Amino acid sequence: MSEATRTIFLDGGDEQLELTQYRLRVVDGEHDEDLDDTFESARITLGSAPRNDLVFDDPAISRVHAEIEVDANGYLLTDLDSKNGVFVNGIRIRQAYLEDGAKFRLGNTTLRFELTEESTEVHFSGRERFGNLLGTSRQMREIFSMLERVSPTDASVLIEGESGTGKELAARAIHDYSERADGPFIVLDCSAIPSDLIESELFGHVKGAFTGATGSRKGAFEAAEGGTLFLDELGELSMDLQPKLLRALENERIKPIGSNEEVETDVRIVAATNRNLQHEIREGNFREDLFYRFAVIRVQLPPLRERPEDIPLLVEHFLEDANERTGRDDVDVSYKTMEKLKRHRWPGNVRELKNFVERAVLLTQGDNIETRFLSAGDPESASAPQALEESTLPMVETALQEDIPFKDAKNRLVEEFEKEYWSRLLERTGGNVSKAARIAGVHRKSVEYILKKLDLSREDLGVD
């Protein structure tokens, strides 16, 4: 087995990890396509959720099932608290180093780990912040190192990650550390603009181009001239607009709506998405050529739950800001509370943590923030007991009266929940399975499997 080695650069405190690229290949399991990918990242995740580096259709695989991280000792496979576990040579493991040729199983899928002949270097920055991005974890320091090298160039950058992970902060930092820092930084949220207006927002229009166009108007490309255009939620861009955007990027020219003349542009493009665009390409929702035009450099921001070691630094930063805004200087956080915060799942990521700290500082009567403020302000918390009483408790009562075994009662309750959830979601999407899968955050194949298992048809859902 090729050994991963670490070299420490004394000037600046940067680290470098030299590793051999590796291939993951499915050798047993049912998939809609052959899976055979090569990786050179210091860390990848495997699971059924579209945001993973390796996505599976297997319904027995958890949303984020496992990870492979390269360290000085080799290639470490870790089970991320999956439901059905990770098995190496038939033995369930929590962590295990993979040898060349090793086989491991996730759910009903068996993969082979193979080292290639190619080597690569992964760099880790010695700093703990880049712009307003903060972190001491290896994941964030690897991102900082990449951004340090990429920002001064004009390369397009695609920032991926869940909502609240700091994608706009990363885009802003790229701009601020670039040669275009003195130019404008224009943000266009593709999800917040009606589809019939977004072309005008991008390219502008001339007077009389359409009903209501009482004057000419510059679009985001012209507004960002000499600076950076940040396209947020790129995955929401409609298919009919994608080729026009691709043409504008390749030709560095735009044509405002209603105009016969093209306008030259000098703009750096940074885009962000919380979707897995490669998954969207397979589903026919995103153009592959446009994806590769954006993804010259890809930056994957990890969710906060995957980097708990960064939480103390973030909490201290947000505490300082909150104390200053409220005119206080005495609010702190205890060791016990910090440990609880590190164990919290943070579905809203850094944005949720920031909101929590601000709320806790405002509401606390003492000199320490408390975790009891975690649920405060949650619009769903007030209705949860009522929902529980209306749906779950009658089922429990029936199970007790009929002497139904616990396991059977639990399975029946889960099945009823699944039916109700998918019925309502598919009713909401008009029977569009792909859209329902995106909202639920699962693979389309998994949705089809669930519907078949629940014996739900379009007729049952009232969809034409």
Protein backbone atom coordinates (compact mmCIF):
# COMPACT_ATOMS: atom_id res chain seq x y z
CA MET A 1 0.00 0.00 0.00
CA SER A 2 1.25 3.48 -0.86
CA GLU A 3 1.72 5.48 2.29
CA ALA A 4 0.29 8.97 2.72
CA THR A 5 2.96 11.36 3.97
CA ARG A 6 2.75 14.78 5.56
CA THR A 7 5.22 17.60 5.05
CA ILE A 8 5.09 20.62 7.35
CA PHE A 9 6.07 23.97 5.83
CA LEU A 10 7.51 26.08 8.61
CA ASP A 11 6.98 29.43 6.88
CA GLY A 12 3.33 30.43 7.39
CA GLY A 13 2.42 27.25 9.25
CA ASP A 14 0.92 25.58 6.16
CA GLU A 15 0.63 21.78 5.89
CA GLN A 16 0.77 19.54 2.85
CA LEU A 17 -0.63 16.03 2.56
CA GLU A 18 0.74 13.91 -0.27
CA LEU A 19 -1.61 11.09 -1.19
CA THR A 20 -2.19 8.51 -3.88
CA GLN A 21 -5.47 8.85 -5.76
CA TYR A 22 -7.90 6.04 -5.17
CA ARG A 23 -10.81 4.44 -7.02
CA LEU A 24 -14.08 3.20 -5.58
CA ARG A 25 -15.83 0.59 -7.68
CA VAL A 26 -19.14 -1.19 -7.07
CA VAL A 27 -18.62 -4.95 -7.26
CA ASP A 28 -22.01 -6.07 -5.93
CA GLY A 29 -25.28 -4.11 -5.83
CA GLU A 30 -28.11 -2.88 -8.02
CA HIS A 31 -27.64 0.56 -9.60
CA ASP A 32 -29.10 2.45 -12.52
CA GLU A 33 -25.55 2.97 -13.79
CA ASP A 34 -22.09 1.53 -13.17
CA LEU A 35 -20.27 3.25 -10.34
CA ASP A 36 -16.53 3.62 -10.81
CA ASP A 37 -15.09 6.95 -9.59
CA THR A 38 -11.61 8.21 -8.79
CA PHE A 39 -10.93 10.59 -5.89
CA GLU A 40 -8.06 12.78 -4.79
CA SER A 41 -9.70 14.75 -1.95
CA ALA A 42 -8.55 14.55 1.65
CA ARG A 43 -12.13 13.66 2.64
CA ILE A 44 -15.21 12.38 0.83
CA THR A 45 -18.67 11.34 2.03
CA LEU A 46 -20.78 8.42 0.81
CA GLY A 47 -24.57 8.14 1.09
CA SER A 48 -27.96 8.42 -0.59
CA ALA A 49 -28.33 12.21 -0.26
CA PRO A 50 -27.49 14.05 -3.51
CA ARG A 51 -24.91 16.29 -1.82
CA ASN A 52 -22.49 13.40 -1.12
CA ASP A 53 -19.32 12.95 -3.16
CA LEU A 54 -20.54 9.44 -3.97
CA VAL A 55 -24.32 8.99 -4.24
CA PHE A 56 -26.09 5.62 -4.10
CA ASP A 57 -29.59 4.50 -5.11
CA ASP A 58 -29.56 1.74 -2.47
CA PRO A 59 -32.50 2.36 -0.05
CA ALA A 60 -30.56 0.56 2.71
CA ILE A 61 -27.88 3.27 2.63
CA SER A 62 -28.33 6.26 4.95
CA ARG A 63 -28.39 9.83 3.70
CA VAL A 64 -24.80 10.43 4.85
CA HIS A 65 -23.63 6.90 5.53
CA ALA A 66 -19.83 6.99 5.74
CA GLU A 67 -16.69 8.96 4.96
CA ILE A 68 -13.17 8.26 3.79
CA GLU A 69 -10.53 10.62 5.13
CA VAL A 70 -6.83 10.55 4.33
CA ASP A 71 -4.41 11.14 7.19
CA ALA A 72 -0.77 10.40 7.90
CA ASN A 73 -1.58 6.72 8.52
CA GLY A 74 -3.58 6.03 5.36
CA TYR A 75 -7.19 5.96 4.17
CA LEU A 76 -9.62 5.92 7.09
CA LEU A 77 -13.17 4.63 6.51
CA THR A 78 -15.64 5.85 9.18
CA ASP A 79 -19.28 4.94 9.78
CA LEU A 80 -21.21 8.21 10.29
CA ASP A 81 -23.84 6.72 12.62
CA SER A 82 -25.59 4.99 9.71
CA LYS A 83 -28.68 2.88 10.28
CA ASN A 84 -27.40 -0.34 8.70
CA GLY A 85 -23.69 0.01 9.39
CA VAL A 86 -20.43 -0.37 7.47
CA PHE A 87 -18.87 -3.81 7.05
CA VAL A 88 -15.27 -4.67 6.13
CA ASN A 89 -14.63 -8.35 5.46
CA GLY A 90 -18.00 -9.18 6.98
CA ILE A 91 -17.27 -7.37 10.26
CA ARG A 92 -19.18 -4.25 11.26
CA ILE A 93 -16.75 -1.44 11.96
CA ARG A 94 -16.80 2.04 13.38
CA GLN A 95 -13.44 2.96 11.80
CA ALA A 96 -10.94 1.02 9.74
CA TYR A 97 -7.97 1.81 7.49
CA LEU A 98 -8.42 0.51 3.95
CA GLU A 99 -5.74 -1.51 2.20
CA ASP A 100 -5.40 -1.59 -1.57
CA GLY A 101 -8.01 -4.02 -2.91
CA ALA A 102 -10.12 -4.01 0.26
CA LYS A 103 -13.87 -4.59 -0.04
CA PHE A 104 -16.46 -2.95 2.19
CA ARG A 105 -20.25 -2.95 2.28
CA LEU A 106 -22.75 -0.13 2.77
CA GLY A 107 -26.37 -1.27 2.90
CA ASN A 108 -26.79 -3.79 0.08
CA THR A 109 -23.85 -2.43 -1.90
CA THR A 110 -20.28 -3.77 -1.86
CA LEU A 111 -17.39 -1.60 -3.07
CA ARG A 112 -13.74 -2.23 -3.81
CA PHE A 113 -11.07 0.28 -2.73
CA GLU A 114 -8.18 0.49 -5.20
CA LEU A 115 -5.11 2.74 -5.25
CA THR A 116 -4.07 4.20 -8.60
CA GLU A 117 -0.63 5.10 -9.90
CA GLU A 118 -1.34 8.84 -9.67
CA SER A 119 -0.40 10.98 -6.69
CA THR A 120 -1.66 14.40 -5.66
CA GLU A 121 -0.99 17.01 -3.00
CA VAL A 122 -3.57 18.46 -0.64
CA HIS A 123 -2.65 21.74 1.05
CA PHE A 124 -3.93 23.04 4.39
CA SER A 125 -3.70 26.74 5.21
CA GLY A 126 -2.08 27.84 8.44
CA ARG A 127 -4.76 30.48 9.01
CA GLU A 128 -8.06 30.05 10.82
CA ARG A 129 -10.10 32.46 8.73
CA PHE A 130 -10.42 33.60 5.13
CA GLY A 131 -12.53 36.73 4.78
CA ASN A 132 -15.47 36.09 7.09
CA LEU A 133 -15.16 32.31 6.86
CA LEU A 134 -13.88 30.82 10.12
CA GLY A 135 -12.52 27.39 11.02
CA THR A 136 -9.61 25.44 12.44
CA SER A 137 -10.72 22.03 11.11
CA ARG A 138 -8.78 20.36 8.33
CA GLN A 139 -11.81 20.65 6.04
CA MET A 140 -11.90 24.43 6.37
CA ARG A 141 -8.12 24.89 6.25
CA GLU A 142 -8.05 22.88 3.02
CA ILE A 143 -10.72 25.21 1.61
CA PHE A 144 -8.79 28.29 2.79
CA SER A 145 -5.66 27.01 1.05
CA MET A 146 -7.57 26.51 -2.19
CA LEU A 147 -9.21 29.94 -2.00
CA GLU A 148 -5.85 31.60 -1.31
CA ARG A 149 -4.54 30.20 -4.59
CA VAL A 150 -7.70 30.65 -6.67
CA SER A 151 -8.90 34.11 -5.60
CA PRO A 152 -6.19 36.15 -7.37
CA THR A 153 -7.06 34.49 -10.70
CA ASP A 154 -10.10 35.04 -12.93
CA ALA A 155 -11.15 31.36 -12.83
CA SER A 156 -14.85 30.59 -12.44
CA VAL A 157 -15.69 29.04 -9.07
CA LEU A 158 -18.64 26.82 -8.11
CA ILE A 159 -19.36 26.80 -4.36
CA GLU A 160 -21.44 23.85 -3.16
CA GLY A 161 -22.96 23.20 0.24
CA GLU A 162 -26.11 23.11 2.33
CA SER A 163 -28.04 26.26 3.17
CA GLY A 164 -26.37 28.24 5.93
CA THR A 165 -22.82 26.95 5.37
CA GLY A 166 -21.51 30.35 4.20
CA LYS A 167 -21.54 30.16 0.40
CA GLU A 168 -22.05 33.91 -0.05
CA LEU A 169 -19.30 34.62 2.50
CA ALA A 170 -16.95 32.45 0.44
CA ALA A 171 -17.93 34.26 -2.77
CA ARG A 172 -17.38 37.64 -1.13
CA ALA A 173 -13.96 36.53 0.17
CA ILE A 174 -12.94 35.36 -3.32
CA HIS A 175 -13.83 38.83 -4.64
CA ASP A 176 -12.08 40.70 -1.81
CA TYR A 177 -8.83 38.75 -2.32
CA SER A 178 -8.88 39.12 -6.11
CA GLU A 179 -7.48 41.72 -8.48
CA ARG A 180 -11.09 42.89 -8.90
CA ALA A 181 -11.55 43.85 -5.24
CA ASP A 182 -12.03 47.54 -6.14
CA GLY A 183 -14.78 46.63 -8.61
CA PRO A 184 -18.45 45.84 -7.85
CA PHE A 185 -19.64 42.63 -6.20
CA ILE A 186 -23.12 41.90 -7.57
CA VAL A 187 -25.36 39.18 -6.11
CA LEU A 188 -28.16 37.59 -8.14
CA ASP A 189 -30.28 34.98 -6.34
CA CYS A 190 -31.66 32.73 -9.09
CA SER A 191 -34.28 31.27 -6.71
CA ALA A 192 -35.75 34.63 -5.69
CA ILE A 193 -36.60 35.97 -9.17
CA PRO A 194 -39.65 34.87 -11.20
CA SER A 195 -38.68 32.82 -14.26
CA ASP A 196 -40.16 35.38 -16.64
CA LEU A 197 -37.96 38.15 -15.21
CA ILE A 198 -34.62 36.47 -14.62
CA GLU A 199 -33.35 36.92 -18.20
CA SER A 200 -33.90 40.66 -17.87
CA GLU A 201 -32.20 40.63 -14.47
CA LEU A 202 -29.17 38.91 -15.99
CA PHE A 203 -28.82 40.65 -19.35
CA GLY A 204 -30.93 43.80 -19.02
CA HIS A 205 -33.47 45.13 -21.53
CA VAL A 206 -34.17 48.10 -23.74
CA LYS A 207 -37.19 50.36 -23.67
CA GLY A 208 -40.28 48.70 -25.15
CA ALA A 209 -38.77 45.19 -25.07
CA PHE A 210 -41.87 43.88 -23.31
CA THR A 211 -44.98 45.13 -21.57
CA GLY A 212 -43.93 47.31 -18.68
CA ALA A 213 -40.45 48.07 -20.04
CA THR A 214 -40.89 51.84 -19.91
CA GLY A 215 -37.15 52.42 -20.05
CA SER A 216 -33.84 50.68 -20.65
CA ARG A 217 -32.26 48.83 -17.74
CA LYS A 218 -28.84 47.27 -17.20
CA GLY A 219 -28.70 43.68 -16.03
CA ALA A 220 -26.39 42.00 -13.53
CA PHE A 221 -23.63 41.39 -16.09
CA GLU A 222 -23.29 45.07 -16.91
CA ALA A 223 -23.68 46.08 -13.25
CA ALA A 224 -20.77 43.79 -12.35
CA GLU A 225 -18.47 45.18 -15.07
CA GLY A 226 -14.86 45.02 -13.86
CA GLY A 227 -15.89 43.09 -10.76
CA THR A 228 -17.53 39.82 -9.70
CA LEU A 229 -21.00 38.46 -10.44
CA PHE A 230 -22.19 35.99 -7.82
CA LEU A 231 -25.00 33.74 -9.05
CA ASP A 232 -26.59 32.21 -5.96
CA GLU A 233 -28.76 29.06 -6.15
CA LEU A 234 -27.56 28.30 -9.67
CA GLY A 235 -29.44 25.00 -9.67
CA GLU A 236 -32.75 26.90 -9.79
CA LEU A 237 -31.98 28.34 -13.24
CA SER A 238 -34.55 27.24 -15.83
CA MET A 239 -33.49 24.96 -18.68
CA ASP A 240 -34.52 27.47 -21.38
CA LEU A 241 -32.21 30.16 -19.93
CA GLN A 242 -29.19 27.91 -19.40
CA PRO A 243 -27.99 27.92 -23.05
CA LYS A 244 -28.23 31.73 -23.15
CA LEU A 245 -26.11 31.98 -20.03
CA LEU A 246 -23.59 29.51 -21.44
CA ARG A 247 -23.31 31.56 -24.65
CA ALA A 248 -22.77 34.75 -22.64
CA LEU A 249 -19.99 33.13 -20.59
CA GLU A 250 -18.20 31.64 -23.59
CA ASN A 251 -18.40 34.75 -25.79
CA GLU A 252 -18.01 37.29 -22.97
CA ARG A 253 -20.86 39.16 -24.61
CA ILE A 254 -24.52 39.63 -23.73
CA LYS A 255 -27.55 40.79 -25.68
CA PRO A 256 -30.13 42.78 -23.67
CA ILE A 257 -33.73 41.77 -24.31
CA GLY A 258 -35.14 43.67 -27.27
CA SER A 259 -31.72 44.82 -28.51
CA ASN A 260 -29.99 43.84 -31.74
CA GLU A 261 -26.56 44.78 -30.44
CA GLU A 262 -24.28 42.74 -28.22
CA VAL A 263 -22.45 44.23 -25.25
CA GLU A 264 -18.94 43.14 -24.28
CA THR A 265 -18.49 42.11 -20.66
CA ASP A 266 -15.53 41.89 -18.29
CA VAL A 267 -16.88 39.93 -15.33
CA ARG A 268 -15.63 37.15 -13.09
CA ILE A 269 -18.30 34.55 -12.33
CA VAL A 270 -18.73 32.83 -8.96
CA ALA A 271 -21.77 30.59 -8.51
CA ALA A 272 -23.27 28.66 -5.61
CA THR A 273 -25.78 25.87 -5.19
CA ASN A 274 -27.17 23.67 -2.42
CA ARG A 275 -28.01 21.01 -5.02
CA ASN A 276 -25.82 18.26 -6.43
CA LEU A 277 -25.63 19.52 -10.01
CA GLN A 278 -24.20 16.25 -11.33
CA HIS A 279 -27.32 14.57 -9.96
CA GLU A 280 -29.42 17.28 -11.64
CA ILE A 281 -27.63 16.57 -14.93
CA ARG A 282 -28.60 12.89 -14.70
CA GLU A 283 -32.19 13.92 -13.97
CA GLY A 284 -32.22 16.20 -17.04
CA ASN A 285 -32.56 19.41 -15.03
CA PHE A 286 -29.16 20.97 -15.72
CA ARG A 287 -26.92 21.18 -18.78
CA GLU A 288 -23.65 19.28 -18.51
CA ASP A 289 -21.73 21.80 -20.64
CA LEU A 290 -22.88 24.68 -18.43
CA PHE A 291 -21.86 22.74 -15.31
CA TYR A 292 -18.31 22.28 -16.58
CA ARG A 293 -18.15 25.94 -17.61
CA PHE A 294 -18.87 26.94 -14.01
CA ALA A 295 -16.98 24.17 -12.23
CA VAL A 296 -13.47 25.17 -13.26
CA ILE A 297 -12.85 25.24 -9.52
CA ARG A 298 -15.27 23.48 -7.13
CA VAL A 299 -15.42 24.31 -3.44
CA GLN A 300 -17.51 22.07 -1.19
CA LEU A 301 -18.39 23.77 2.11
CA PRO A 302 -19.00 21.11 4.79
CA PRO A 303 -22.07 21.25 7.06
CA LEU A 304 -21.38 22.38 10.61
CA ARG A 305 -22.22 18.95 12.09
CA GLU A 306 -19.21 17.52 10.21
CA ARG A 307 -16.77 20.01 11.77
CA PRO A 308 -17.72 20.35 15.46
CA GLU A 309 -14.15 21.37 16.31
CA ASP A 310 -14.90 24.72 14.62
CA ILE A 311 -17.86 25.52 16.90
CA PRO A 312 -15.84 27.09 19.79
CA LEU A 313 -14.16 29.54 17.41
CA LEU A 314 -17.49 30.43 15.78
CA VAL A 315 -19.29 30.82 19.11
CA GLU A 316 -16.60 33.14 20.46
CA HIS A 317 -16.78 35.24 17.30
CA PHE A 318 -20.58 35.50 17.39
CA LEU A 319 -20.52 36.20 21.14
CA GLU A 320 -18.17 39.11 20.63
CA ASP A 321 -20.45 40.58 17.96
CA ALA A 322 -23.62 40.01 19.99
CA ASN A 323 -22.11 41.54 23.15
CA GLU A 324 -21.06 44.60 21.20
CA ARG A 325 -24.47 45.09 19.59
CA THR A 326 -26.35 44.69 22.87
CA GLY A 327 -23.98 46.90 24.83
CA ARG A 328 -22.87 44.02 27.04
CA ASP A 329 -19.43 42.63 27.64
CA ASP A 330 -20.12 40.02 30.29
CA VAL A 331 -21.97 37.21 28.46
CA ASP A 332 -19.83 34.10 28.01
CA VAL A 333 -20.27 30.37 27.43
CA SER A 334 -19.47 27.59 29.90
CA TYR A 335 -17.52 24.44 29.06
CA LYS A 336 -20.63 22.31 29.62
CA THR A 337 -22.73 24.42 27.26
CA MET A 338 -19.99 24.42 24.64
CA GLU A 339 -19.85 20.63 24.71
CA LYS A 340 -23.63 20.51 24.18
CA LEU A 341 -23.33 22.90 21.26
CA LYS A 342 -20.65 20.69 19.70
CA ARG A 343 -23.01 17.70 19.89
CA HIS A 344 -25.98 19.54 18.37
CA ARG A 345 -26.83 18.62 14.75
CA TRP A 346 -27.29 22.23 13.50
CA PRO A 347 -29.57 21.57 10.51
CA GLY A 348 -29.36 25.31 9.71
CA ASN A 349 -25.55 25.17 9.90
CA VAL A 350 -23.50 28.29 10.72
CA ARG A 351 -26.48 30.58 10.14
CA GLU A 352 -28.45 28.69 12.82
CA LEU A 353 -25.52 28.85 15.25
CA LYS A 354 -25.19 32.61 14.72
CA ASN A 355 -28.91 33.14 15.30
CA PHE A 356 -28.80 31.00 18.43
CA VAL A 357 -25.93 32.98 19.97
CA GLU A 358 -27.62 36.30 19.23
CA ARG A 359 -30.93 35.06 20.68
CA ALA A 360 -29.26 33.58 23.76
CA VAL A 361 -27.38 36.81 24.54
CA LEU A 362 -30.60 38.81 24.28
CA LEU A 363 -32.67 36.46 26.43
CA THR A 364 -30.24 35.38 29.13
CA GLN A 365 -30.60 36.96 32.57
CA GLY A 366 -27.19 35.76 33.69
CA ASP A 367 -23.68 35.97 32.37
CA ASN A 368 -23.70 32.69 30.39
CA ILE A 369 -25.68 31.62 27.34
CA GLU A 370 -27.76 28.47 27.75
CA THR A 371 -28.75 25.67 25.38
CA ARG A 372 -32.41 25.99 26.42
CA PHE A 373 -32.61 28.84 23.91
CA LEU A 374 -31.87 26.44 21.05
CA SER A 375 -35.56 25.77 20.40
CA ALA A 376 -36.73 29.33 21.09
CA GLY A 377 -38.18 31.02 18.08
CA ASP A 378 -38.82 27.77 16.23
CA PRO A 379 -42.15 28.31 14.45
CA GLU A 380 -42.83 24.58 14.42
CA SER A 381 -42.20 23.98 18.11
CA ALA A 382 -45.54 25.40 19.29
CA SER A 383 -47.61 23.16 17.04
CA ALA A 384 -45.61 19.97 17.62
CA PRO A 385 -47.45 18.77 20.77
CA GLN A 386 -50.82 19.33 19.10
CA ALA A 387 -49.69 17.44 15.99
CA LEU A 388 -48.45 14.60 18.17
CA GLU A 389 -51.77 14.39 20.00
CA GLU A 390 -53.83 14.50 16.80
CA SER A 391 -51.89 11.85 14.87
CA THR A 392 -49.66 9.65 17.04
CA LEU A 393 -51.48 9.21 20.34
CA PRO A 394 -54.69 7.65 18.91
CA MET A 395 -52.55 5.07 17.11
CA VAL A 396 -50.74 4.26 20.35
CA GLU A 397 -54.07 3.88 22.15
CA THR A 398 -55.36 1.51 19.47
CA ALA A 399 -52.16 -0.56 19.62
CA LEU A 400 -52.52 -0.95 23.39
CA GLN A 401 -56.20 -1.90 23.20
CA GLU A 402 -55.56 -4.53 20.53
CA ASP A 403 -52.43 -5.89 22.28
CA ILE A 404 -50.31 -5.27 19.19
CA PRO A 405 -46.61 -6.03 19.81
CA PHE A 406 -44.34 -2.98 20.03
CA LYS A 407 -42.42 -3.82 16.85
CA ASP A 408 -45.60 -4.23 14.78
CA ALA A 409 -47.12 -1.04 16.21
CA LYS A 410 -43.94 0.89 15.42
CA ASN A 411 -43.81 -0.43 11.85
CA ARG A 412 -47.47 0.50 11.33
CA LEU A 413 -46.87 4.02 12.63
CA VAL A 414 -43.83 4.50 10.39
CA GLU A 415 -45.77 3.22 7.38
CA GLU A 416 -48.66 5.62 8.09
CA PHE A 417 -46.21 8.50 8.42
CA GLU A 418 -44.51 7.60 5.12
CA LYS A 419 -47.86 7.38 3.32
CA GLU A 420 -48.99 10.72 4.70
CA TYR A 421 -45.65 12.41 3.99
CA TRP A 422 -45.29 11.24 0.39
CA SER A 423 -48.98 11.68 -0.41
CA ARG A 424 -48.88 15.32 0.66
CA LEU A 425 -45.53 16.03 -0.94
CA LEU A 426 -46.54 14.53 -4.30
CA GLU A 427 -49.87 16.32 -4.15
CA ARG A 428 -47.93 19.54 -3.60
CA THR A 429 -45.66 18.85 -6.60
CA GLY A 430 -48.51 17.72 -8.88
CA GLY A 431 -47.16 14.18 -9.01
CA ASN A 432 -43.67 15.28 -10.13
CA VAL A 433 -41.48 12.58 -8.57
CA SER A 434 -38.19 14.30 -9.46
CA LYS A 435 -39.28 17.54 -7.80
CA ALA A 436 -40.56 15.66 -4.74
CA ALA A 437 -37.21 13.84 -4.49
CA ARG A 438 -35.33 17.15 -4.57
CA ILE A 439 -37.50 18.66 -1.82
CA ALA A 440 -37.15 15.56 0.36
CA GLY A 441 -33.42 15.37 -0.32
CA VAL A 442 -33.44 11.77 -1.56
CA HIS A 443 -32.65 10.12 -4.88
CA ARG A 444 -35.48 9.73 -7.39
CA LYS A 445 -34.90 5.97 -7.49
CA SER A 446 -35.38 5.85 -3.72
CA VAL A 447 -38.72 7.68 -4.05
CA GLU A 448 -39.87 5.21 -6.70
CA TYR A 449 -38.88 2.35 -4.39
CA ILE A 450 -40.81 3.90 -1.46
CA LEU A 451 -43.94 4.49 -3.57
CA LYS A 452 -43.83 0.91 -4.79
CA LYS A 453 -43.36 -0.35 -1.23
CA LEU A 454 -46.31 1.74 0.00
CA ASP A 455 -48.40 0.76 -3.04
CA LEU A 456 -49.09 4.42 -3.86
CA SER A 457 -50.13 5.21 -7.44
CA ARG A 458 -50.90 8.49 -9.21
CA GLU A 459 -54.59 7.57 -8.99
CA ASP A 460 -54.30 7.13 -5.23
CA LEU A 461 -52.71 10.58 -5.00
CA GLY A 462 -55.43 12.19 -7.10
CA VAL A 463 -52.95 13.27 -9.77
CA ASP A 464 -54.03 13.28 -13.41
